[in-house]
Amino acid sequence: MVVLLALGLAPSHAQASETGAKPNPQAPPHDASAAASRFIDLGTVRYLNPAKPKELWLGLDIGGVYMPDNVIANFGRDIWTARAAFPWALALTPWLSVGGRHELAWYDAENIRAQYSNQEVSIALTPTSWRALPGVTQDRLEFGFEAHDMFKTTLFGDDGLRQVLHLGGIFDRVLYMGYGMSHRVRPKLSIDWNTQGRFVWLFINTQKQLRTSARLRWNPRPAHTVSIESVGFLIFREKVQAGNLLPRAGIIGQFAAQYDWMSRRKVGLFARAWFSTSFLSGTSPVFEIREEAINQPYGELSMGLRARW
């Protein structure tokens, strides 16, 4: 009875306009800024920085792949890879941040097992923090250094003997500078892009690389992000590299799809599928020892954690 009486006394839409009262407001639209603020960008290619001073992004990535011997023609051995990485980024000011990625990986082909490490550090500026650009949510001017080392190899003989080699000269060093932007083209849709110039020391030889990448990022809900990414490398090598004759120029394509979820407690999960037209060439030039490795496609699945303080 009380409910019916209240409904009868409530003014209709016409009565509300006549008395000057405002009708009930509609539900608020999708909060794009909230969705963007809950996304943490800690991939191998980075487009975004933490924006709040002293904000820290942390990640743990675990990935790998298993390929039976009948998948790769004329190889005759099972292959498996596994890796674990610790990426991070820290905002020092609204326009300055630092970051890095520290990784260990194992590559096994039954008769040989290699252990590999990747160390990366970078510093990034946000020039548009002084002047907003239409449609640009953030830009990134970056300078960085990478070191990839093949530091241990284990050989397995047919007689069951195992030989461990601690390597000291199979490495590469990469200096890079790049620039990119993130554009919000729809409330739930963003496009990120980045271009890098990279100079590589590989053993006693050098390389020059141009890397371009683009990512389409969709936020169906503030806690969820779905993205697809394309990366291209244009590589210029010396005629002789690591004592081998290799192609002077090469083009490498990489493609990835990723899903991210971030809780309100600032801890979340991600899953990623990645494919490259070459076995880690460009990303890790240390693997460009023979032309067979350059021409071998490679894919990987990974998942992990993301956290923010």
C-alpha atoms as a PDB file:
ATOM      1  CA  MET A   1       0.000   0.000   0.000  1.00  0.00           C
ATOM      2  CA  VAL A   2       2.828   2.419   0.837  1.00  0.00           C
ATOM      3  CA  VAL A   3       4.582   1.618  -2.431  1.00  0.00           C
ATOM      4  CA  LEU A   4       1.412   2.158  -4.459  1.00  0.00           C
ATOM      5  CA  LEU A   5       0.781   5.471  -2.727  1.00  0.00           C
ATOM      6  CA  ALA A   6       4.306   6.657  -3.429  1.00  0.00           C
ATOM      7  CA  LEU A   7       3.997   5.731  -7.103  1.00  0.00           C
ATOM      8  CA  GLY A   8       0.700   7.599  -7.340  1.00  0.00           C
ATOM      9  CA  LEU A   9       2.192  10.756  -5.839  1.00  0.00           C
ATOM     10  CA  ALA A  10       5.362  10.681  -7.951  1.00  0.00           C
ATOM     11  CA  PRO A  11       5.223  13.292 -10.773  1.00  0.00           C
ATOM     12  CA  SER A  12       5.072  12.084 -14.363  1.00  0.00           C
ATOM     13  CA  HIS A  13       7.664  13.249 -16.941  1.00  0.00           C
ATOM     14  CA  ALA A  14       5.292  16.070 -18.035  1.00  0.00           C
ATOM     15  CA  GLN A  15       4.631  17.106 -14.465  1.00  0.00           C
ATOM     16  CA  ALA A  16       8.342  17.221 -13.742  1.00  0.00           C
ATOM     17  CA  SER A  17       8.954  19.549 -16.684  1.00  0.00           C
ATOM     18  CA  GLU A  18       6.056  21.762 -15.627  1.00  0.00           C
ATOM     19  CA  THR A  19       7.323  22.122 -12.068  1.00  0.00           C
ATOM     20  CA  GLY A  20      10.944  22.632 -13.195  1.00  0.00           C
ATOM     21  CA  ALA A  21      12.181  19.383 -11.614  1.00  0.00           C
ATOM     22  CA  LYS A  22      14.868  17.415 -13.495  1.00  0.00           C
ATOM     23  CA  PRO A  23      14.039  13.902 -14.722  1.00  0.00           C
ATOM     24  CA  ASN A  24      16.099  10.976 -13.436  1.00  0.00           C
ATOM     25  CA  PRO A  25      19.577  11.034 -15.039  1.00  0.00           C
ATOM     26  CA  GLN A  26      20.531   8.208 -17.366  1.00  0.00           C
ATOM     27  CA  ALA A  27      23.204   5.658 -16.453  1.00  0.00           C
ATOM     28  CA  PRO A  28      26.708   7.063 -16.936  1.00  0.00           C
ATOM     29  CA  PRO A  29      28.441   6.015 -20.157  1.00  0.00           C
ATOM     30  CA  HIS A  30      31.440   3.682 -20.309  1.00  0.00           C
ATOM     31  CA  ASP A  31      34.335   5.301 -18.455  1.00  0.00           C
ATOM     32  CA  ALA A  32      37.166   5.084 -21.002  1.00  0.00           C
ATOM     33  CA  SER A  33      39.670   6.820 -18.741  1.00  0.00           C
ATOM     34  CA  ALA A  34      38.995   4.269 -15.980  1.00  0.00           C
ATOM     35  CA  ALA A  35      39.582   1.416 -18.427  1.00  0.00           C
ATOM     36  CA  ALA A  36      42.831   2.948 -19.647  1.00  0.00           C
ATOM     37  CA  SER A  37      44.088   3.623 -16.124  1.00  0.00           C
ATOM     38  CA  ARG A  38      43.633  -0.049 -15.160  1.00  0.00           C
ATOM     39  CA  PHE A  39      45.646  -1.356 -18.135  1.00  0.00           C
ATOM     40  CA  ILE A  40      49.330  -2.118 -17.427  1.00  0.00           C
ATOM     41  CA  ASP A  41      51.684  -2.112 -20.432  1.00  0.00           C
ATOM     42  CA  LEU A  42      54.690  -4.389 -19.751  1.00  0.00           C
ATOM     43  CA  GLY A  43      55.169  -6.223 -23.051  1.00  0.00           C
ATOM     44  CA  THR A  44      58.368  -6.614 -25.051  1.00  0.00           C
ATOM     45  CA  VAL A  45      57.166  -3.592 -27.063  1.00  0.00           C
ATOM     46  CA  ARG A  46      55.906  -0.793 -24.815  1.00  0.00           C
ATOM     47  CA  TYR A  47      53.617   2.053 -25.782  1.00  0.00           C
ATOM     48  CA  LEU A  48      52.541   3.478 -22.396  1.00  0.00           C
ATOM     49  CA  ASN A  49      54.207   4.654 -19.177  1.00  0.00           C
ATOM     50  CA  PRO A  50      52.800   4.866 -15.646  1.00  0.00           C
ATOM     51  CA  ALA A  51      51.545   8.441 -15.362  1.00  0.00           C
ATOM     52  CA  LYS A  52      51.321   9.065 -11.613  1.00  0.00           C
ATOM     53  CA  PRO A  53      54.572   9.921  -9.776  1.00  0.00           C
ATOM     54  CA  LYS A  54      55.963   6.956  -7.808  1.00  0.00           C
ATOM     55  CA  GLU A  55      53.490   4.594  -9.476  1.00  0.00           C
ATOM     56  CA  LEU A  56      55.112   1.168  -9.957  1.00  0.00           C
ATOM     57  CA  TRP A  57      54.109  -1.522 -12.461  1.00  0.00           C
ATOM     58  CA  LEU A  58      55.324  -5.089 -11.869  1.00  0.00           C
ATOM     59  CA  GLY A  59      54.876  -8.235 -13.924  1.00  0.00           C
ATOM     60  CA  LEU A  60      55.720 -11.921 -14.027  1.00  0.00           C
ATOM     61  CA  ASP A  61      55.630 -13.622 -17.447  1.00  0.00           C
ATOM     62  CA  ILE A  62      55.879 -17.383 -17.935  1.00  0.00           C
ATOM     63  CA  GLY A  63      55.804 -18.807 -21.441  1.00  0.00           C
ATOM     64  CA  GLY A  64      56.978 -21.539 -23.756  1.00  0.00           C
ATOM     65  CA  VAL A  65      56.108 -24.021 -26.446  1.00  0.00           C
ATOM     66  CA  TYR A  66      56.464 -27.739 -27.183  1.00  0.00           C
ATOM     67  CA  MET A  67      56.898 -28.986 -30.768  1.00  0.00           C
ATOM     68  CA  PRO A  68      56.947 -32.754 -31.486  1.00  0.00           C
ATOM     69  CA  ASP A  69      59.483 -34.081 -33.970  1.00  0.00           C
ATOM     70  CA  ASN A  70      56.879 -34.496 -36.737  1.00  0.00           C
ATOM     71  CA  VAL A  71      55.980 -30.785 -36.778  1.00  0.00           C
ATOM     72  CA  ILE A  72      59.302 -29.533 -38.208  1.00  0.00           C
ATOM     73  CA  ALA A  73      60.245 -31.254 -41.446  1.00  0.00           C
ATOM     74  CA  ASN A  74      63.602 -33.087 -41.555  1.00  0.00           C
ATOM     75  CA  PHE A  75      64.468 -32.204 -37.967  1.00  0.00           C
ATOM     76  CA  GLY A  76      63.716 -35.504 -36.244  1.00  0.00           C
ATOM     77  CA  ARG A  77      63.774 -34.265 -32.627  1.00  0.00           C
ATOM     78  CA  ASP A  78      61.312 -32.899 -30.113  1.00  0.00           C
ATOM     79  CA  ILE A  79      61.818 -29.238 -29.235  1.00  0.00           C
ATOM     80  CA  TRP A  80      60.628 -27.364 -26.186  1.00  0.00           C
ATOM     81  CA  THR A  81      61.256 -23.867 -24.889  1.00  0.00           C
ATOM     82  CA  ALA A  82      60.481 -22.227 -21.562  1.00  0.00           C
ATOM     83  CA  ARG A  83      61.087 -18.750 -20.242  1.00  0.00           C
ATOM     84  CA  ALA A  84      60.380 -16.587 -17.216  1.00  0.00           C
ATOM     85  CA  ALA A  85      60.560 -12.783 -17.264  1.00  0.00           C
ATOM     86  CA  PHE A  86      60.232  -9.992 -14.725  1.00  0.00           C
ATOM     87  CA  PRO A  87      59.180  -6.698 -16.400  1.00  0.00           C
ATOM     88  CA  TRP A  88      58.714  -3.443 -14.484  1.00  0.00           C
ATOM     89  CA  ALA A  89      58.162   0.309 -14.916  1.00  0.00           C
ATOM     90  CA  LEU A  90      58.320   3.195 -12.440  1.00  0.00           C
ATOM     91  CA  ALA A  91      57.102   6.783 -12.895  1.00  0.00           C
ATOM     92  CA  LEU A  92      59.504   9.302 -11.375  1.00  0.00           C
ATOM     93  CA  THR A  93      57.479  12.343 -12.476  1.00  0.00           C
ATOM     94  CA  PRO A  94      54.356  12.786 -14.697  1.00  0.00           C
ATOM     95  CA  TRP A  95      56.685  13.082 -17.726  1.00  0.00           C
ATOM     96  CA  LEU A  96      59.621  10.776 -16.815  1.00  0.00           C
ATOM     97  CA  SER A  97      59.696   7.027 -16.139  1.00  0.00           C
ATOM     98  CA  VAL A  98      62.191   4.172 -16.078  1.00  0.00           C
ATOM     99  CA  GLY A  99      61.644   0.502 -16.812  1.00  0.00           C
ATOM    100  CA  GLY A 100      63.228  -2.813 -17.572  1.00  0.00           C
ATOM    101  CA  ARG A 101      62.844  -6.482 -18.372  1.00  0.00           C
ATOM    102  CA  HIS A 102      64.903  -9.329 -16.910  1.00  0.00           C
ATOM    103  CA  GLU A 103      64.471 -12.751 -18.460  1.00  0.00           C
ATOM    104  CA  LEU A 104      65.834 -16.312 -18.374  1.00  0.00           C
ATOM    105  CA  ALA A 105      65.001 -18.868 -21.061  1.00  0.00           C
ATOM    106  CA  TRP A 106      65.761 -22.494 -21.912  1.00  0.00           C
ATOM    107  CA  TYR A 107      65.749 -23.975 -25.442  1.00  0.00           C
ATOM    108  CA  ASP A 108      65.966 -27.776 -25.710  1.00  0.00           C
ATOM    109  CA  ALA A 109      66.326 -29.928 -28.859  1.00  0.00           C
ATOM    110  CA  GLU A 110      67.022 -33.298 -27.127  1.00  0.00           C
ATOM    111  CA  ASN A 111      70.742 -33.383 -27.978  1.00  0.00           C
ATOM    112  CA  ILE A 112      71.457 -29.789 -26.894  1.00  0.00           C
ATOM    113  CA  ARG A 113      70.036 -27.431 -24.325  1.00  0.00           C
ATOM    114  CA  ALA A 114      70.851 -23.704 -24.260  1.00  0.00           C
ATOM    115  CA  GLN A 115      70.306 -21.239 -21.444  1.00  0.00           C
ATOM    116  CA  TYR A 116      69.791 -17.627 -22.384  1.00  0.00           C
ATOM    117  CA  SER A 117      69.343 -14.344 -20.541  1.00  0.00           C
ATOM    118  CA  ASN A 118      67.904 -10.994 -21.577  1.00  0.00           C
ATOM    119  CA  GLN A 119      68.499  -7.802 -19.610  1.00  0.00           C
ATOM    120  CA  GLU A 120      66.843  -4.546 -20.676  1.00  0.00           C
ATOM    121  CA  VAL A 121      66.674  -1.084 -19.122  1.00  0.00           C
ATOM    122  CA  SER A 122      65.100   2.061 -20.561  1.00  0.00           C
ATOM    123  CA  ILE A 123      64.166   5.636 -19.771  1.00  0.00           C
ATOM    124  CA  ALA A 124      61.055   7.228 -21.289  1.00  0.00           C
ATOM    125  CA  LEU A 125      59.807  10.811 -21.564  1.00  0.00           C
ATOM    126  CA  THR A 126      56.270  12.069 -22.214  1.00  0.00           C
ATOM    127  CA  PRO A 127      56.732  15.303 -24.222  1.00  0.00           C
ATOM    128  CA  THR A 128      52.992  16.011 -24.548  1.00  0.00           C
ATOM    129  CA  SER A 129      52.648  16.312 -20.762  1.00  0.00           C
ATOM    130  CA  TRP A 130      53.334  20.018 -21.350  1.00  0.00           C
ATOM    131  CA  ARG A 131      50.797  20.382 -24.169  1.00  0.00           C
ATOM    132  CA  ALA A 132      47.792  18.164 -24.844  1.00  0.00           C
ATOM    133  CA  LEU A 133      47.296  16.956 -28.429  1.00  0.00           C
ATOM    134  CA  PRO A 134      43.791  16.189 -29.781  1.00  0.00           C
ATOM    135  CA  GLY A 135      43.002  12.496 -29.444  1.00  0.00           C
ATOM    136  CA  VAL A 136      46.420  11.627 -27.952  1.00  0.00           C
ATOM    137  CA  THR A 137      46.233  10.071 -24.497  1.00  0.00           C
ATOM    138  CA  GLN A 138      50.008   9.687 -24.115  1.00  0.00           C
ATOM    139  CA  ASP A 139      53.220   9.716 -26.137  1.00  0.00           C
ATOM    140  CA  ARG A 140      56.539   8.029 -25.391  1.00  0.00           C
ATOM    141  CA  LEU A 141      60.094   9.095 -26.284  1.00  0.00           C
ATOM    142  CA  GLU A 142      62.369   6.249 -25.200  1.00  0.00           C
ATOM    143  CA  PHE A 143      66.062   5.446 -24.909  1.00  0.00           C
ATOM    144  CA  GLY A 144      67.201   1.970 -23.948  1.00  0.00           C
ATOM    145  CA  PHE A 145      69.821  -0.766 -23.794  1.00  0.00           C
ATOM    146  CA  GLU A 146      69.434  -4.539 -24.197  1.00  0.00           C
ATOM    147  CA  ALA A 147      71.897  -7.377 -23.556  1.00  0.00           C
ATOM    148  CA  HIS A 148      71.227 -10.946 -24.729  1.00  0.00           C
ATOM    149  CA  ASP A 149      73.652 -13.684 -23.635  1.00  0.00           C
ATOM    150  CA  MET A 150      73.881 -17.393 -24.401  1.00  0.00           C
ATOM    151  CA  PHE A 151      75.758 -18.219 -21.207  1.00  0.00           C
ATOM    152  CA  LYS A 152      75.416 -21.993 -20.851  1.00  0.00           C
ATOM    153  CA  THR A 153      75.004 -24.943 -23.222  1.00  0.00           C
ATOM    154  CA  THR A 154      74.551 -28.603 -22.343  1.00  0.00           C
ATOM    155  CA  LEU A 155      75.374 -31.297 -24.931  1.00  0.00           C
ATOM    156  CA  PHE A 156      73.828 -34.772 -24.666  1.00  0.00           C
ATOM    157  CA  GLY A 157      75.705 -37.556 -26.470  1.00  0.00           C
ATOM    158  CA  ASP A 158      74.258 -40.777 -27.886  1.00  0.00           C
ATOM    159  CA  ASP A 159      76.259 -42.712 -25.283  1.00  0.00           C
ATOM    160  CA  GLY A 160      74.446 -40.886 -22.441  1.00  0.00           C
ATOM    161  CA  LEU A 161      77.332 -38.594 -21.614  1.00  0.00           C
ATOM    162  CA  ARG A 162      76.533 -34.974 -20.811  1.00  0.00           C
ATOM    163  CA  GLN A 163      78.915 -32.082 -21.406  1.00  0.00           C
ATOM    164  CA  VAL A 164      78.256 -28.623 -19.930  1.00  0.00           C
ATOM    165  CA  LEU A 165      79.811 -25.604 -21.642  1.00  0.00           C
ATOM    166  CA  HIS A 166      79.895 -22.210 -19.939  1.00  0.00           C
ATOM    167  CA  LEU A 167      80.011 -19.721 -22.778  1.00  0.00           C
ATOM    168  CA  GLY A 168      81.456 -16.250 -22.568  1.00  0.00           C
ATOM    169  CA  GLY A 169      81.433 -14.899 -26.106  1.00  0.00           C
ATOM    170  CA  ILE A 170      77.982 -15.564 -27.590  1.00  0.00           C
ATOM    171  CA  PHE A 171      76.127 -12.323 -26.977  1.00  0.00           C
ATOM    172  CA  ASP A 172      74.639  -9.214 -28.504  1.00  0.00           C
ATOM    173  CA  ARG A 173      74.208  -5.642 -27.282  1.00  0.00           C
ATOM    174  CA  VAL A 174      71.483  -3.288 -28.529  1.00  0.00           C
ATOM    175  CA  LEU A 175      71.163   0.487 -28.187  1.00  0.00           C
ATOM    176  CA  TYR A 176      67.852   1.970 -29.301  1.00  0.00           C
ATOM    177  CA  MET A 177      65.866   5.186 -29.497  1.00  0.00           C
ATOM    178  CA  GLY A 178      62.178   5.349 -30.347  1.00  0.00           C
ATOM    179  CA  TYR A 179      58.999   7.384 -30.332  1.00  0.00           C
ATOM    180  CA  GLY A 180      55.315   6.487 -30.303  1.00  0.00           C
ATOM    181  CA  MET A 181      51.811   7.615 -29.394  1.00  0.00           C
ATOM    182  CA  SER A 182      48.544   6.236 -28.060  1.00  0.00           C
ATOM    183  CA  HIS A 183      45.348   7.519 -29.700  1.00  0.00           C
ATOM    184  CA  ARG A 184      41.826   7.015 -28.377  1.00  0.00           C
ATOM    185  CA  VAL A 185      39.669   6.731 -31.507  1.00  0.00           C
ATOM    186  CA  ARG A 186      36.499   5.564 -29.705  1.00  0.00           C
ATOM    187  CA  PRO A 187      35.505   5.512 -26.015  1.00  0.00           C
ATOM    188  CA  LYS A 188      36.433   1.817 -25.878  1.00  0.00           C
ATOM    189  CA  LEU A 189      39.037   1.666 -28.666  1.00  0.00           C
ATOM    190  CA  SER A 190      42.653   2.871 -28.806  1.00  0.00           C
ATOM    191  CA  ILE A 191      45.448   2.618 -31.363  1.00  0.00           C
ATOM    192  CA  ASP A 192      49.082   2.577 -30.204  1.00  0.00           C
ATOM    193  CA  TRP A 193      52.148   2.823 -32.446  1.00  0.00           C
ATOM    194  CA  ASN A 194      55.900   2.941 -31.981  1.00  0.00           C
ATOM    195  CA  THR A 195      58.987   3.266 -34.188  1.00  0.00           C
ATOM    196  CA  GLN A 196      62.517   2.412 -33.053  1.00  0.00           C
ATOM    197  CA  GLY A 197      65.975   2.823 -34.532  1.00  0.00           C
ATOM    198  CA  ARG A 198      68.267   0.090 -33.171  1.00  0.00           C
ATOM    199  CA  PHE A 199      72.047  -0.378 -33.403  1.00  0.00           C
ATOM    200  CA  VAL A 200      73.313  -3.884 -32.617  1.00  0.00           C
ATOM    201  CA  TRP A 201      76.729  -5.298 -31.727  1.00  0.00           C
ATOM    202  CA  LEU A 202      76.633  -9.054 -32.467  1.00  0.00           C
ATOM    203  CA  PHE A 203      79.881 -10.817 -31.522  1.00  0.00           C
ATOM    204  CA  ILE A 204      82.420  -8.730 -33.459  1.00  0.00           C
ATOM    205  CA  ASN A 205      79.921  -7.604 -36.114  1.00  0.00           C
ATOM    206  CA  THR A 206      77.181  -4.968 -36.200  1.00  0.00           C
ATOM    207  CA  GLN A 207      73.599  -4.613 -37.387  1.00  0.00           C
ATOM    208  CA  LYS A 208      71.227  -1.737 -37.990  1.00  0.00           C
ATOM    209  CA  GLN A 209      67.519  -2.254 -37.385  1.00  0.00           C
ATOM    210  CA  LEU A 210      64.332  -0.304 -37.944  1.00  0.00           C
ATOM    211  CA  ARG A 211      61.410  -1.603 -35.891  1.00  0.00           C
ATOM    212  CA  THR A 212      57.825  -0.429 -36.354  1.00  0.00           C
ATOM    213  CA  SER A 213      54.827  -1.691 -34.411  1.00  0.00           C
ATOM    214  CA  ALA A 214      51.133  -0.985 -33.991  1.00  0.00           C
ATOM    215  CA  ARG A 215      48.525  -2.258 -31.557  1.00  0.00           C
ATOM    216  CA  LEU A 216      44.718  -2.133 -31.567  1.00  0.00           C
ATOM    217  CA  ARG A 217      43.401  -2.127 -27.989  1.00  0.00           C
ATOM    218  CA  TRP A 218      39.741  -2.642 -27.039  1.00  0.00           C
ATOM    219  CA  ASN A 219      38.231  -2.218 -23.555  1.00  0.00           C
ATOM    220  CA  PRO A 220      34.829  -3.972 -23.530  1.00  0.00           C
ATOM    221  CA  ARG A 221      34.711  -3.301 -19.764  1.00  0.00           C
ATOM    222  CA  PRO A 222      37.020  -1.288 -17.498  1.00  0.00           C
ATOM    223  CA  ALA A 223      38.647  -4.446 -16.080  1.00  0.00           C
ATOM    224  CA  HIS A 224      39.135  -6.205 -19.449  1.00  0.00           C
ATOM    225  CA  THR A 225      41.402  -5.426 -22.399  1.00  0.00           C
ATOM    226  CA  VAL A 226      41.717  -7.304 -25.684  1.00  0.00           C
ATOM    227  CA  SER A 227      44.513  -6.330 -28.079  1.00  0.00           C
ATOM    228  CA  ILE A 228      46.094  -7.420 -31.350  1.00  0.00           C
ATOM    229  CA  GLU A 229      49.602  -6.330 -32.329  1.00  0.00           C
ATOM    230  CA  SER A 230      51.819  -6.339 -35.410  1.00  0.00           C
ATOM    231  CA  VAL A 231      55.601  -5.768 -35.333  1.00  0.00           C
ATOM    232  CA  GLY A 232      57.954  -5.449 -38.286  1.00  0.00           C
ATOM    233  CA  PHE A 233      61.775  -5.476 -38.365  1.00  0.00           C
ATOM    234  CA  LEU A 234      63.892  -4.208 -41.239  1.00  0.00           C
ATOM    235  CA  ILE A 235      67.429  -5.522 -40.610  1.00  0.00           C
ATOM    236  CA  PHE A 236      70.714  -4.592 -42.315  1.00  0.00           C
ATOM    237  CA  ARG A 237      73.598  -6.976 -41.566  1.00  0.00           C
ATOM    238  CA  GLU A 238      77.271  -7.083 -42.440  1.00  0.00           C
ATOM    239  CA  LYS A 239      78.214  -9.510 -45.217  1.00  0.00           C
ATOM    240  CA  VAL A 240      79.842 -11.888 -42.741  1.00  0.00           C
ATOM    241  CA  GLN A 241      78.190 -12.309 -39.350  1.00  0.00           C
ATOM    242  CA  ALA A 242      79.654 -14.578 -36.653  1.00  0.00           C
ATOM    243  CA  GLY A 243      81.836 -16.146 -39.340  1.00  0.00           C
ATOM    244  CA  ASN A 244      78.856 -17.038 -41.565  1.00  0.00           C
ATOM    245  CA  LEU A 245      77.568 -15.603 -44.814  1.00  0.00           C
ATOM    246  CA  LEU A 246      74.054 -14.350 -44.103  1.00  0.00           C
ATOM    247  CA  PRO A 247      71.565 -12.210 -46.060  1.00  0.00           C
ATOM    248  CA  ARG A 248      72.607  -8.544 -45.972  1.00  0.00           C
ATOM    249  CA  ALA A 249      69.002  -7.390 -45.484  1.00  0.00           C
ATOM    250  CA  GLY A 250      65.966  -9.052 -44.007  1.00  0.00           C
ATOM    251  CA  ILE A 251      62.319  -8.384 -43.159  1.00  0.00           C
ATOM    252  CA  ILE A 252      60.736 -10.075 -40.139  1.00  0.00           C
ATOM    253  CA  GLY A 253      57.086  -9.977 -39.112  1.00  0.00           C
ATOM    254  CA  GLN A 254      55.615 -10.709 -35.692  1.00  0.00           C
ATOM    255  CA  PHE A 255      51.948 -10.983 -34.713  1.00  0.00           C
ATOM    256  CA  ALA A 256      50.323 -11.308 -31.293  1.00  0.00           C
ATOM    257  CA  ALA A 257      46.926 -11.427 -29.598  1.00  0.00           C
ATOM    258  CA  GLN A 258      46.536 -10.740 -25.890  1.00  0.00           C
ATOM    259  CA  TYR A 259      43.882 -10.619 -23.184  1.00  0.00           C
ATOM    260  CA  ASP A 260      44.351  -8.667 -19.922  1.00  0.00           C
ATOM    261  CA  TRP A 261      42.226  -8.542 -16.788  1.00  0.00           C
ATOM    262  CA  MET A 262      42.892  -6.153 -13.903  1.00  0.00           C
ATOM    263  CA  SER A 263      40.993  -6.275 -10.614  1.00  0.00           C
ATOM    264  CA  ARG A 264      40.120  -3.296  -8.441  1.00  0.00           C
ATOM    265  CA  ARG A 265      42.786  -4.523  -6.021  1.00  0.00           C
ATOM    266  CA  LYS A 266      45.376  -3.631  -8.693  1.00  0.00           C
ATOM    267  CA  VAL A 267      46.388  -7.234  -9.369  1.00  0.00           C
ATOM    268  CA  GLY A 268      45.512  -8.986 -12.611  1.00  0.00           C
ATOM    269  CA  LEU A 269      46.256 -11.680 -15.197  1.00  0.00           C
ATOM    270  CA  PHE A 270      47.119 -11.831 -18.880  1.00  0.00           C
ATOM    271  CA  ALA A 271      47.347 -14.468 -21.641  1.00  0.00           C
ATOM    272  CA  ARG A 272      49.211 -13.993 -24.932  1.00  0.00           C
ATOM    273  CA  ALA A 273      49.711 -15.893 -28.198  1.00  0.00           C
ATOM    274  CA  TRP A 274      52.671 -14.794 -30.334  1.00  0.00           C
ATOM    275  CA  PHE A 275      54.026 -15.778 -33.766  1.00  0.00           C
ATOM    276  CA  SER A 276      57.169 -14.711 -35.635  1.00  0.00           C
ATOM    277  CA  THR A 277      58.293 -15.435 -39.188  1.00  0.00           C
ATOM    278  CA  SER A 278      61.813 -16.016 -37.814  1.00  0.00           C
ATOM    279  CA  PHE A 279      63.163 -17.661 -34.649  1.00  0.00           C
ATOM    280  CA  LEU A 280      63.639 -14.599 -32.389  1.00  0.00           C
ATOM    281  CA  SER A 281      65.605 -12.681 -35.035  1.00  0.00           C
ATOM    282  CA  GLY A 282      65.368  -8.945 -34.514  1.00  0.00           C
ATOM    283  CA  THR A 283      64.115  -9.327 -30.949  1.00  0.00           C
ATOM    284  CA  SER A 284      67.266 -11.296 -29.966  1.00  0.00           C
ATOM    285  CA  PRO A 285      69.934 -11.109 -32.699  1.00  0.00           C
ATOM    286  CA  VAL A 286      72.152 -13.535 -30.736  1.00  0.00           C
ATOM    287  CA  PHE A 287      70.149 -16.378 -32.320  1.00  0.00           C
ATOM    288  CA  GLU A 288      71.184 -15.342 -35.853  1.00  0.00           C
ATOM    289  CA  ILE A 289      74.061 -17.811 -36.003  1.00  0.00           C
ATOM    290  CA  ARG A 290      72.920 -19.718 -39.105  1.00  0.00           C
ATOM    291  CA  GLU A 291      70.522 -18.939 -41.918  1.00  0.00           C
ATOM    292  CA  GLU A 292      68.360 -21.913 -40.853  1.00  0.00           C
ATOM    293  CA  ALA A 293      67.510 -20.094 -37.614  1.00  0.00           C
ATOM    294  CA  ILE A 294      66.656 -16.909 -39.491  1.00  0.00           C
ATOM    295  CA  ASN A 295      64.251 -18.756 -41.796  1.00  0.00           C
ATOM    296  CA  GLN A 296      62.585 -20.864 -39.076  1.00  0.00           C
ATOM    297  CA  PRO A 297      59.108 -19.608 -37.973  1.00  0.00           C
ATOM    298  CA  TYR A 298      58.359 -19.696 -34.278  1.00  0.00           C
ATOM    299  CA  GLY A 299      55.315 -19.298 -32.032  1.00  0.00           C
ATOM    300  CA  GLU A 300      54.821 -19.144 -28.299  1.00  0.00           C
ATOM    301  CA  LEU A 301      52.112 -19.021 -25.631  1.00  0.00           C
ATOM    302  CA  SER A 302      52.596 -17.104 -22.394  1.00  0.00           C
ATOM    303  CA  MET A 303      50.625 -16.020 -19.345  1.00  0.00           C
ATOM    304  CA  GLY A 304      51.377 -14.217 -16.136  1.00  0.00           C
ATOM    305  CA  LEU A 305      50.617 -11.646 -13.488  1.00  0.00           C
ATOM    306  CA  ARG A 306      50.386  -7.872 -13.437  1.00  0.00           C
ATOM    307  CA  ALA A 307      50.399  -5.678 -10.332  1.00  0.00           C
ATOM    308  CA  ARG A 308      50.555  -1.998  -9.563  1.00  0.00           C
ATOM    309  CA  TRP A 309      51.409   0.150  -6.542  1.00  0.00           C
END
